[in-house]
């Protein structure tokens, strides 16, 4: 089975990724690569996808990773019905929201009256 996933390249501390079609059971850095269908730079959020090649592998059953699904959707590739798209919002649920400072009752400022001598 084939997988479409990101393969890290670039120098230390500055990753750049290739969008690679490779065997799903292998590690991304050591698996046999069938084809490269694009690249992604996370620093500039710039991606270049070869849409025809990516569409060909998707139609033949290659499984894209969640990040690649997002990149393919942004590039305009028509995804098959079986591909799972994540609708995860950036907002995380907050545990114990009543303990947050903004949800605590306001403390009233008590003015001290100077003692008369």
Protein backbone atom coordinates (compact mmCIF):
# COMPACT_ATOMS: atom_id res chain seq x y z
CA UNK A 1 0.00 0.00 0.00
CA UNK A 2 1.22 3.49 -0.79
CA UNK A 3 1.14 6.55 1.43
CA UNK A 4 1.42 10.22 0.55
CA UNK A 5 3.36 11.85 3.36
CA UNK A 6 5.81 14.60 4.18
CA UNK A 7 9.51 13.80 4.05
CA UNK A 8 11.77 16.18 5.94
CA UNK A 9 14.68 17.81 4.14
CA UNK A 10 16.48 21.05 4.84
CA UNK A 11 19.11 22.09 7.30
CA UNK A 12 19.13 21.71 11.06
CA UNK A 13 16.55 23.92 12.71
CA UNK A 14 14.97 24.93 9.39
CA UNK A 15 12.88 22.04 8.06
CA UNK A 16 11.46 21.96 4.56
CA UNK A 17 9.33 19.04 3.44
CA UNK A 18 8.82 17.06 0.24
CA UNK A 19 5.45 15.52 -0.48
CA UNK A 20 6.46 11.94 -1.25
CA UNK A 21 4.53 8.87 -2.40
CA UNK A 22 6.14 5.85 -0.76
CA UNK A 23 5.47 2.49 0.81
CA UNK A 24 3.24 2.87 3.86
CA UNK A 25 5.00 0.31 6.07
CA UNK A 26 8.39 2.03 5.85
CA UNK A 27 9.77 4.99 7.76
CA UNK A 28 9.46 8.33 5.89
CA UNK A 29 13.21 8.87 5.78
CA UNK A 30 14.19 5.36 4.67
CA UNK A 31 11.26 3.99 2.67
CA UNK A 32 11.40 3.46 -1.08
CA UNK A 33 10.01 6.57 -2.74
CA UNK A 34 7.75 5.98 -5.71
CA UNK A 35 7.41 9.65 -6.67
CA UNK A 36 7.70 13.19 -5.36
CA UNK A 37 4.54 15.20 -5.97
CA UNK A 38 5.41 18.49 -4.33
CA UNK A 39 7.05 20.41 -1.54
CA UNK A 40 6.03 22.41 1.53
CA UNK A 41 7.83 25.17 3.43
CA UNK A 42 6.21 25.60 6.87
CA UNK A 43 8.01 28.90 7.53
CA UNK A 44 6.46 30.72 4.58
CA UNK A 45 3.40 28.42 4.41
CA UNK A 46 4.22 27.97 0.74
CA UNK A 47 3.44 24.69 -0.98
CA UNK A 48 3.78 23.52 -4.55
CA UNK A 49 1.84 20.40 -5.49
CA UNK A 50 1.78 18.64 -8.86
CA UNK A 51 -1.99 18.19 -8.90
CA UNK A 52 -2.20 15.72 -11.80
CA UNK A 53 0.33 13.33 -10.27
CA UNK A 54 -1.21 13.60 -6.80
CA UNK A 55 -4.67 12.95 -8.25
CA UNK A 56 -3.38 9.86 -10.09
CA UNK A 57 -1.98 8.31 -6.90
CA UNK A 58 -5.09 9.19 -4.88
CA UNK A 59 -7.31 7.56 -7.49
CA UNK A 60 -5.18 4.42 -7.26
CA UNK A 61 -5.62 4.20 -3.47
CA UNK A 62 -2.65 6.01 -1.91
CA UNK A 63 -3.43 7.05 1.66
CA UNK A 64 -2.57 10.70 2.46
CA UNK A 65 -1.49 11.78 5.93
CA UNK A 66 -3.64 14.39 7.72
CA UNK A 67 -1.30 17.30 6.94
CA UNK A 68 -1.03 16.22 3.30
CA UNK A 69 -4.84 16.13 3.07
CA UNK A 70 -4.88 19.79 4.08
CA UNK A 71 -2.16 20.69 1.56
CA UNK A 72 -3.89 18.81 -1.25
CA UNK A 73 -7.21 20.45 -0.47
CA UNK A 74 -5.56 23.90 -0.56
CA UNK A 75 -3.93 23.04 -3.90
CA UNK A 76 -7.31 22.15 -5.42
CA UNK A 77 -6.92 18.39 -5.71
CA UNK A 78 -10.26 16.55 -5.70
CA UNK A 79 -10.12 14.14 -2.78
CA UNK A 80 -11.97 10.80 -2.90
CA UNK A 81 -14.88 10.20 -0.53
CA UNK A 82 -12.92 7.77 1.66
CA UNK A 83 -10.30 10.36 2.61
CA UNK A 84 -10.88 11.63 6.14
CA UNK A 85 -10.70 15.40 6.53
CA UNK A 86 -10.25 16.82 10.00
CA UNK A 87 -12.54 19.59 11.21
CA UNK A 88 -10.44 20.35 14.25
CA UNK A 89 -10.72 23.92 15.39
CA UNK A 90 -7.78 25.67 16.95
CA UNK A 91 -9.74 26.21 20.19
CA UNK A 92 -9.02 23.59 22.80
CA UNK A 93 -11.48 22.84 25.55
CA UNK A 94 -10.38 24.26 28.86
CA UNK A 95 -10.43 21.98 31.86
CA UNK A 96 -11.66 23.53 35.12
CA UNK A 97 -12.59 26.84 33.53
CA UNK A 98 -14.06 28.00 36.84
CA UNK A 99 -10.51 28.17 38.24
CA UNK A 100 -9.41 30.76 35.70
CA UNK A 101 -8.69 34.21 37.05
CA UNK A 102 -11.16 35.85 34.68
CA UNK A 103 -13.96 33.64 36.02
CA UNK A 104 -13.22 34.39 39.70
CA UNK A 105 -15.45 36.84 41.59
CA UNK A 106 -14.10 40.35 41.64
CA UNK A 107 -12.38 41.41 44.81
CA UNK A 108 -13.51 44.81 45.93
CA UNK A 109 -10.80 47.27 46.74
CA UNK A 110 -10.85 48.16 50.40
CA UNK A 111 -9.58 51.62 51.17
CA UNK A 112 -7.60 51.97 54.37
CA UNK A 113 -8.49 54.95 56.48
CA UNK A 114 -5.46 56.46 58.23
CA UNK A 115 -5.72 56.25 62.00
CA UNK A 116 -6.15 59.58 63.76
CA UNK A 117 -3.63 60.29 66.47
